[in-house]
């Protein structure tokens, strides 16, 4: 089959790929074909990292503070979510370093970098509601980040899409708990 002269070949010449791979080797995974603004991607990923850490802390508090007749199963859900949010934070921090950035884990300013809030909640229902609100914030934030990186950084986009899917699942979990305990549940502390 004859190659169409109007279209570039699918793959760059192997010798050219090898030559480019040797250039700027100190940049690691960030090659000359990286099309996103790595500073901006690093900034939004550090905001996502702060958001995940705040979510871990809120879910952990809710896990330890959940009390009442139905508290055990809800607390277990809080702990599962805290652990999954920690996994997201680890993925994001790893990606920041792959992009030659530094994960900002400094507790000072964490709440101003985070998109979600740290709201403790007094009752079990308050905690569920606050976690649902935070998940909805995360869904909006990750959706915007995905639109921003689009095809300029497919690795970051795929990571964000995976995290977004889990955040949507978390929101559904919180909605289910709210439906279950909001109408007939006691929502009281032990």
C-alpha atoms as a PDB file:
ATOM      1  CA  UNK A   1       0.000   0.000   0.000  1.00  0.00           C
ATOM      2  CA  UNK A   2       1.377   3.398  -0.947  1.00  0.00           C
ATOM      3  CA  UNK A   3       1.774   5.968   1.852  1.00  0.00           C
ATOM      4  CA  UNK A   4      -0.311   9.086   1.449  1.00  0.00           C
ATOM      5  CA  UNK A   5       2.092  12.010   1.006  1.00  0.00           C
ATOM      6  CA  UNK A   6      -0.288  14.337   2.870  1.00  0.00           C
ATOM      7  CA  UNK A   7      -0.083  12.344   6.107  1.00  0.00           C
ATOM      8  CA  UNK A   8       2.921  11.742   8.307  1.00  0.00           C
ATOM      9  CA  UNK A   9       3.915   8.149   8.949  1.00  0.00           C
ATOM     10  CA  UNK A  10       2.432   6.661  12.109  1.00  0.00           C
ATOM     11  CA  UNK A  11       5.779   6.280  13.846  1.00  0.00           C
ATOM     12  CA  UNK A  12       8.800   8.491  13.721  1.00  0.00           C
ATOM     13  CA  UNK A  13      11.914   6.915  12.308  1.00  0.00           C
ATOM     14  CA  UNK A  14      13.477   4.658  14.972  1.00  0.00           C
ATOM     15  CA  UNK A  15      16.843   6.390  14.680  1.00  0.00           C
ATOM     16  CA  UNK A  16      15.137   9.734  15.297  1.00  0.00           C
ATOM     17  CA  UNK A  17      13.297   8.337  18.331  1.00  0.00           C
ATOM     18  CA  UNK A  18      16.580   7.102  19.762  1.00  0.00           C
ATOM     19  CA  UNK A  19      18.284  10.434  19.094  1.00  0.00           C
ATOM     20  CA  UNK A  20      15.497  12.408  20.813  1.00  0.00           C
ATOM     21  CA  UNK A  21      15.467  10.006  23.781  1.00  0.00           C
ATOM     22  CA  UNK A  22      19.111  10.880  24.454  1.00  0.00           C
ATOM     23  CA  UNK A  23      18.418  14.617  24.485  1.00  0.00           C
ATOM     24  CA  UNK A  24      17.565  16.175  27.837  1.00  0.00           C
ATOM     25  CA  UNK A  25      17.837  12.810  29.558  1.00  0.00           C
ATOM     26  CA  UNK A  26      17.682  14.585  32.934  1.00  0.00           C
ATOM     27  CA  UNK A  27      13.987  15.305  32.211  1.00  0.00           C
ATOM     28  CA  UNK A  28      13.098  11.621  32.692  1.00  0.00           C
ATOM     29  CA  UNK A  29       9.579  10.892  31.476  1.00  0.00           C
ATOM     30  CA  UNK A  30       9.021  14.419  30.119  1.00  0.00           C
ATOM     31  CA  UNK A  31      10.083  14.225  26.489  1.00  0.00           C
ATOM     32  CA  UNK A  32      10.053  16.789  23.698  1.00  0.00           C
ATOM     33  CA  UNK A  33       6.618  15.508  22.660  1.00  0.00           C
ATOM     34  CA  UNK A  34       5.018  16.493  26.006  1.00  0.00           C
ATOM     35  CA  UNK A  35       2.512  19.155  24.950  1.00  0.00           C
ATOM     36  CA  UNK A  36       1.053  20.405  28.238  1.00  0.00           C
ATOM     37  CA  UNK A  37       2.411  23.251  30.336  1.00  0.00           C
ATOM     38  CA  UNK A  38       4.145  21.180  33.009  1.00  0.00           C
ATOM     39  CA  UNK A  39       4.110  24.060  35.523  1.00  0.00           C
ATOM     40  CA  UNK A  40       0.344  24.423  35.219  1.00  0.00           C
ATOM     41  CA  UNK A  41      -0.191  20.657  35.353  1.00  0.00           C
ATOM     42  CA  UNK A  42       2.020  20.526  38.458  1.00  0.00           C
ATOM     43  CA  UNK A  43      -0.019  23.297  40.084  1.00  0.00           C
ATOM     44  CA  UNK A  44      -3.378  21.649  39.436  1.00  0.00           C
ATOM     45  CA  UNK A  45      -2.028  18.271  40.516  1.00  0.00           C
ATOM     46  CA  UNK A  46      -0.785  19.805  43.776  1.00  0.00           C
ATOM     47  CA  UNK A  47      -4.284  21.231  44.294  1.00  0.00           C
ATOM     48  CA  UNK A  48      -5.704  17.758  43.666  1.00  0.00           C
ATOM     49  CA  UNK A  49      -3.151  16.320  46.102  1.00  0.00           C
ATOM     50  CA  UNK A  50      -4.233  18.786  48.798  1.00  0.00           C
ATOM     51  CA  UNK A  51      -7.876  17.963  48.079  1.00  0.00           C
ATOM     52  CA  UNK A  52      -7.246  14.247  48.493  1.00  0.00           C
ATOM     53  CA  UNK A  53      -5.339  14.747  51.750  1.00  0.00           C
ATOM     54  CA  UNK A  54      -8.134  16.902  53.168  1.00  0.00           C
ATOM     55  CA  UNK A  55     -10.602  14.180  52.138  1.00  0.00           C
ATOM     56  CA  UNK A  56      -8.491  11.511  53.855  1.00  0.00           C
ATOM     57  CA  UNK A  57      -8.452  13.552  57.063  1.00  0.00           C
ATOM     58  CA  UNK A  58     -12.188  14.267  56.956  1.00  0.00           C
ATOM     59  CA  UNK A  59     -13.098  10.628  56.253  1.00  0.00           C
ATOM     60  CA  UNK A  60     -10.751   9.457  59.029  1.00  0.00           C
ATOM     61  CA  UNK A  61     -12.348  11.835  61.515  1.00  0.00           C
ATOM     62  CA  UNK A  62     -15.776  10.665  60.434  1.00  0.00           C
ATOM     63  CA  UNK A  63     -14.654   7.055  60.809  1.00  0.00           C
ATOM     64  CA  UNK A  64     -13.575   7.623  64.408  1.00  0.00           C
ATOM     65  CA  UNK A  65     -16.526   9.872  65.300  1.00  0.00           C
ATOM     66  CA  UNK A  66     -19.337   7.857  63.702  1.00  0.00           C
ATOM     67  CA  UNK A  67     -21.630   6.777  66.489  1.00  0.00           C
ATOM     68  CA  UNK A  68     -25.168   5.514  66.808  1.00  0.00           C
ATOM     69  CA  UNK A  69     -27.178   2.417  66.052  1.00  0.00           C
ATOM     70  CA  UNK A  70     -26.148   2.279  62.403  1.00  0.00           C
ATOM     71  CA  UNK A  71     -22.653   3.706  62.879  1.00  0.00           C
ATOM     72  CA  UNK A  72     -20.553   0.561  62.338  1.00  0.00           C
ATOM     73  CA  UNK A  73     -21.445   0.019  58.676  1.00  0.00           C
ATOM     74  CA  UNK A  74     -21.230   3.742  57.899  1.00  0.00           C
ATOM     75  CA  UNK A  75     -17.887   4.033  59.704  1.00  0.00           C
ATOM     76  CA  UNK A  76     -16.580   1.113  57.670  1.00  0.00           C
ATOM     77  CA  UNK A  77     -17.572   2.966  54.499  1.00  0.00           C
ATOM     78  CA  UNK A  78     -15.793   6.103  55.749  1.00  0.00           C
ATOM     79  CA  UNK A  79     -12.615   4.091  56.379  1.00  0.00           C
ATOM     80  CA  UNK A  80     -12.756   2.454  52.956  1.00  0.00           C
ATOM     81  CA  UNK A  81     -13.091   5.871  51.340  1.00  0.00           C
ATOM     82  CA  UNK A  82     -10.244   7.316  53.444  1.00  0.00           C
ATOM     83  CA  UNK A  83      -7.961   4.519  52.266  1.00  0.00           C
ATOM     84  CA  UNK A  84      -8.975   4.985  48.624  1.00  0.00           C
ATOM     85  CA  UNK A  85      -8.452   8.751  48.856  1.00  0.00           C
ATOM     86  CA  UNK A  86      -4.966   8.076  50.269  1.00  0.00           C
ATOM     87  CA  UNK A  87      -4.294   5.895  47.239  1.00  0.00           C
ATOM     88  CA  UNK A  88      -5.370   8.783  44.985  1.00  0.00           C
ATOM     89  CA  UNK A  89      -3.016  11.130  46.841  1.00  0.00           C
ATOM     90  CA  UNK A  90      -0.148   8.697  46.322  1.00  0.00           C
ATOM     91  CA  UNK A  91      -0.905   8.376  42.594  1.00  0.00           C
ATOM     92  CA  UNK A  92      -1.029  12.147  42.196  1.00  0.00           C
ATOM     93  CA  UNK A  93       2.209  12.711  44.134  1.00  0.00           C
ATOM     94  CA  UNK A  94       3.905  10.078  41.998  1.00  0.00           C
ATOM     95  CA  UNK A  95       2.713  11.753  38.793  1.00  0.00           C
ATOM     96  CA  UNK A  96       3.937  15.153  40.005  1.00  0.00           C
ATOM     97  CA  UNK A  97       7.427  13.721  40.455  1.00  0.00           C
ATOM     98  CA  UNK A  98       7.281  12.028  37.036  1.00  0.00           C
ATOM     99  CA  UNK A  99       6.667  15.487  35.602  1.00  0.00           C
ATOM    100  CA  UNK A 100       9.785  16.747  37.436  1.00  0.00           C
ATOM    101  CA  UNK A 101       7.732  18.607  40.028  1.00  0.00           C
ATOM    102  CA  UNK A 102       7.571  18.397  43.785  1.00  0.00           C
ATOM    103  CA  UNK A 103       4.483  17.198  45.642  1.00  0.00           C
ATOM    104  CA  UNK A 104       3.449  19.896  48.097  1.00  0.00           C
ATOM    105  CA  UNK A 105       2.748  18.011  51.311  1.00  0.00           C
ATOM    106  CA  UNK A 106       3.332  20.991  53.568  1.00  0.00           C
ATOM    107  CA  UNK A 107       0.386  21.160  55.990  1.00  0.00           C
ATOM    108  CA  UNK A 108       0.627  24.954  56.007  1.00  0.00           C
ATOM    109  CA  UNK A 109      -1.821  26.193  53.407  1.00  0.00           C
ATOM    110  CA  UNK A 110      -3.267  22.725  52.737  1.00  0.00           C
ATOM    111  CA  UNK A 111      -6.849  23.970  53.119  1.00  0.00           C
ATOM    112  CA  UNK A 112      -6.267  26.909  50.784  1.00  0.00           C
ATOM    113  CA  UNK A 113      -4.801  24.603  48.097  1.00  0.00           C
ATOM    114  CA  UNK A 114      -7.567  22.016  48.479  1.00  0.00           C
ATOM    115  CA  UNK A 115     -10.780  22.340  46.505  1.00  0.00           C
ATOM    116  CA  UNK A 116     -12.880  20.603  49.150  1.00  0.00           C
ATOM    117  CA  UNK A 117     -13.454  21.825  52.678  1.00  0.00           C
ATOM    118  CA  UNK A 118     -12.749  20.124  55.954  1.00  0.00           C
ATOM    119  CA  UNK A 119     -16.123  20.094  57.698  1.00  0.00           C
ATOM    120  CA  UNK A 120     -16.374  17.815  60.702  1.00  0.00           C
ATOM    121  CA  UNK A 121     -20.137  17.361  61.025  1.00  0.00           C
ATOM    122  CA  UNK A 122     -21.825  16.767  64.357  1.00  0.00           C
ATOM    123  CA  UNK A 123     -24.153  13.882  63.536  1.00  0.00           C
ATOM    124  CA  UNK A 124     -23.770  10.829  61.356  1.00  0.00           C
ATOM    125  CA  UNK A 125     -26.073  12.438  58.793  1.00  0.00           C
ATOM    126  CA  UNK A 126     -24.039  15.654  58.854  1.00  0.00           C
ATOM    127  CA  UNK A 127     -20.897  13.630  58.178  1.00  0.00           C
ATOM    128  CA  UNK A 128     -22.499  11.773  55.273  1.00  0.00           C
ATOM    129  CA  UNK A 129     -23.777  15.054  53.797  1.00  0.00           C
ATOM    130  CA  UNK A 130     -20.380  16.746  54.101  1.00  0.00           C
ATOM    131  CA  UNK A 131     -18.661  13.778  52.478  1.00  0.00           C
ATOM    132  CA  UNK A 132     -21.183  13.843  49.642  1.00  0.00           C
ATOM    133  CA  UNK A 133     -20.607  17.575  49.130  1.00  0.00           C
ATOM    134  CA  UNK A 134     -16.829  16.994  49.064  1.00  0.00           C
ATOM    135  CA  UNK A 135     -17.204  14.183  46.529  1.00  0.00           C
ATOM    136  CA  UNK A 136     -19.321  16.435  44.320  1.00  0.00           C
ATOM    137  CA  UNK A 137     -16.611  19.125  44.516  1.00  0.00           C
ATOM    138  CA  UNK A 138     -13.986  16.513  43.580  1.00  0.00           C
ATOM    139  CA  UNK A 139     -16.083  15.343  40.617  1.00  0.00           C
ATOM    140  CA  UNK A 140     -16.332  18.898  39.268  1.00  0.00           C
ATOM    141  CA  UNK A 141     -12.627  19.574  39.902  1.00  0.00           C
ATOM    142  CA  UNK A 142     -11.409  16.395  38.230  1.00  0.00           C
ATOM    143  CA  UNK A 143     -13.744  16.951  35.283  1.00  0.00           C
ATOM    144  CA  UNK A 144     -12.225  20.407  34.735  1.00  0.00           C
ATOM    145  CA  UNK A 145      -8.688  19.054  35.080  1.00  0.00           C
ATOM    146  CA  UNK A 146      -9.419  16.334  32.527  1.00  0.00           C
ATOM    147  CA  UNK A 147     -10.758  18.907  30.082  1.00  0.00           C
ATOM    148  CA  UNK A 148      -7.647  21.036  30.633  1.00  0.00           C
ATOM    149  CA  UNK A 149      -5.060  18.308  30.000  1.00  0.00           C
ATOM    150  CA  UNK A 150      -7.159  16.683  27.247  1.00  0.00           C
ATOM    151  CA  UNK A 151      -4.792  15.122  24.734  1.00  0.00           C
ATOM    152  CA  UNK A 152      -1.801  17.260  25.792  1.00  0.00           C
ATOM    153  CA  UNK A 153      -0.957  14.835  28.626  1.00  0.00           C
ATOM    154  CA  UNK A 154      -2.680  11.476  28.109  1.00  0.00           C
ATOM    155  CA  UNK A 155      -1.004   9.801  31.102  1.00  0.00           C
ATOM    156  CA  UNK A 156      -2.234  12.445  33.533  1.00  0.00           C
ATOM    157  CA  UNK A 157      -5.640  12.422  31.849  1.00  0.00           C
ATOM    158  CA  UNK A 158      -6.000   8.644  32.292  1.00  0.00           C
ATOM    159  CA  UNK A 159      -4.972   8.878  35.946  1.00  0.00           C
ATOM    160  CA  UNK A 160      -7.477  11.667  36.543  1.00  0.00           C
ATOM    161  CA  UNK A 161     -10.218   9.745  34.731  1.00  0.00           C
ATOM    162  CA  UNK A 162      -9.587   6.721  36.951  1.00  0.00           C
ATOM    163  CA  UNK A 163      -9.725   8.871  40.082  1.00  0.00           C
ATOM    164  CA  UNK A 164     -12.856  10.633  38.800  1.00  0.00           C
ATOM    165  CA  UNK A 165     -14.618   7.287  38.337  1.00  0.00           C
ATOM    166  CA  UNK A 166     -13.819   6.360  41.949  1.00  0.00           C
ATOM    167  CA  UNK A 167     -15.014   9.772  43.200  1.00  0.00           C
ATOM    168  CA  UNK A 168     -18.296   9.242  41.350  1.00  0.00           C
ATOM    169  CA  UNK A 169     -18.592   5.857  43.050  1.00  0.00           C
ATOM    170  CA  UNK A 170     -17.912   7.504  46.425  1.00  0.00           C
ATOM    171  CA  UNK A 171     -20.602  10.097  45.771  1.00  0.00           C
ATOM    172  CA  UNK A 172     -23.076   7.331  44.952  1.00  0.00           C
ATOM    173  CA  UNK A 173     -22.110   5.519  48.157  1.00  0.00           C
ATOM    174  CA  UNK A 174     -22.758   8.675  50.186  1.00  0.00           C
ATOM    175  CA  UNK A 175     -26.038   9.283  48.358  1.00  0.00           C
ATOM    176  CA  UNK A 176     -27.101   5.710  49.145  1.00  0.00           C
ATOM    177  CA  UNK A 177     -26.228   6.192  52.829  1.00  0.00           C
ATOM    178  CA  UNK A 178     -28.058   9.501  52.907  1.00  0.00           C
ATOM    179  CA  UNK A 179     -31.139   7.860  51.381  1.00  0.00           C
ATOM    180  CA  UNK A 180     -30.948   4.952  53.800  1.00  0.00           C
ATOM    181  CA  UNK A 181     -30.352   6.897  56.995  1.00  0.00           C
ATOM    182  CA  UNK A 182     -31.642  10.352  56.099  1.00  0.00           C
ATOM    183  CA  UNK A 183     -35.321   9.410  55.997  1.00  0.00           C
ATOM    184  CA  UNK A 184     -35.557   6.872  58.790  1.00  0.00           C
ATOM    185  CA  UNK A 185     -32.071   6.752  60.278  1.00  0.00           C
ATOM    186  CA  UNK A 186     -31.390   8.264  63.640  1.00  0.00           C
ATOM    187  CA  UNK A 187     -28.344  10.324  62.671  1.00  0.00           C
ATOM    188  CA  UNK A 188     -27.423  10.611  66.348  1.00  0.00           C
ATOM    189  CA  UNK A 189     -24.123  10.097  68.044  1.00  0.00           C
ATOM    190  CA  UNK A 190     -23.683   7.351  70.588  1.00  0.00           C
END
